[in-house]
Amino acid sequence: MAEIINLNRARKTKTRAEKRKIADQNAQKFGRTKGEKKRDDVIAAKAKDHVDQHKLDT
């Protein structure tokens, strides 16, 4: 006997899988590597420290 499936659930599952596939492709195409993210974090931290060191106490 065939298994009963909920068509709404099947449709949503299929849509999610397609969106996930597109998201993975975009992440691979446009995403940044771990090293690039870490480099950007270090640069941002240095810039913040530089600005904080030049603040005037009022």
Protein backbone atom coordinates (compact mmCIF):
# COMPACT_ATOMS: atom_id res chain seq x y z
CA MET A 1 0.00 0.00 0.00
CA ALA A 2 1.23 3.48 -0.84
CA GLU A 3 2.33 5.86 1.86
CA ILE A 4 0.09 8.85 2.41
CA ILE A 5 1.88 12.18 2.10
CA ASN A 6 0.81 15.71 2.87
CA LEU A 7 1.10 17.63 -0.40
CA ASN A 8 1.66 20.97 1.34
CA ARG A 9 4.54 19.51 3.33
CA ALA A 10 6.04 17.91 0.21
CA ARG A 11 5.77 21.20 -1.71
CA LYS A 12 7.39 23.17 1.12
CA THR A 13 10.17 20.60 1.49
CA LYS A 14 10.90 20.78 -2.24
CA THR A 15 10.94 24.61 -2.14
CA ARG A 16 13.28 24.62 0.86
CA ALA A 17 15.65 22.22 -0.88
CA GLU A 18 15.74 24.40 -4.00
CA LYS A 19 16.38 27.55 -1.96
CA ARG A 20 19.11 25.79 0.01
CA LYS A 21 20.77 24.70 -3.24
CA ILE A 22 20.73 28.28 -4.58
CA ALA A 23 22.03 29.61 -1.25
CA ASP A 24 24.92 27.14 -1.29
CA GLN A 25 25.82 28.16 -4.83
CA ASN A 26 25.76 31.84 -3.87
CA ALA A 27 27.84 31.20 -0.75
CA GLN A 28 30.43 29.44 -2.86
CA LYS A 29 30.38 32.14 -5.52
CA PHE A 30 30.22 35.29 -3.38
CA GLY A 31 31.16 34.14 0.13
CA ARG A 32 34.31 35.04 2.01
CA THR A 33 36.81 32.55 3.37
CA LYS A 34 37.52 32.18 7.06
CA GLY A 35 40.85 33.97 6.62
CA GLU A 36 39.22 36.92 4.88
CA LYS A 37 36.63 37.27 7.65
CA LYS A 38 39.33 37.14 10.33
CA ARG A 39 41.44 39.72 8.46
CA ASP A 40 38.47 42.07 8.21
CA ASP A 41 37.72 41.65 11.93
CA VAL A 42 41.33 42.50 12.82
CA ILE A 43 41.31 45.59 10.59
CA ALA A 44 38.02 46.77 12.12
CA ALA A 45 39.34 46.24 15.65
CA LYS A 46 42.52 48.21 14.88
CA ALA A 47 40.49 51.06 13.39
CA LYS A 48 38.21 51.15 16.45
CA ASP A 49 41.19 51.19 18.81
CA HIS A 50 42.81 53.98 16.79
CA VAL A 51 39.67 56.13 17.00
CA ASP A 52 39.18 55.38 20.70
CA GLN A 53 42.74 56.45 21.47
CA HIS A 54 42.10 59.87 19.93
CA LYS A 55 38.91 60.66 21.82
CA LEU A 56 38.98 63.74 23.99
CA ASP A 57 37.92 63.44 27.60
CA THR A 58 35.37 66.12 28.31
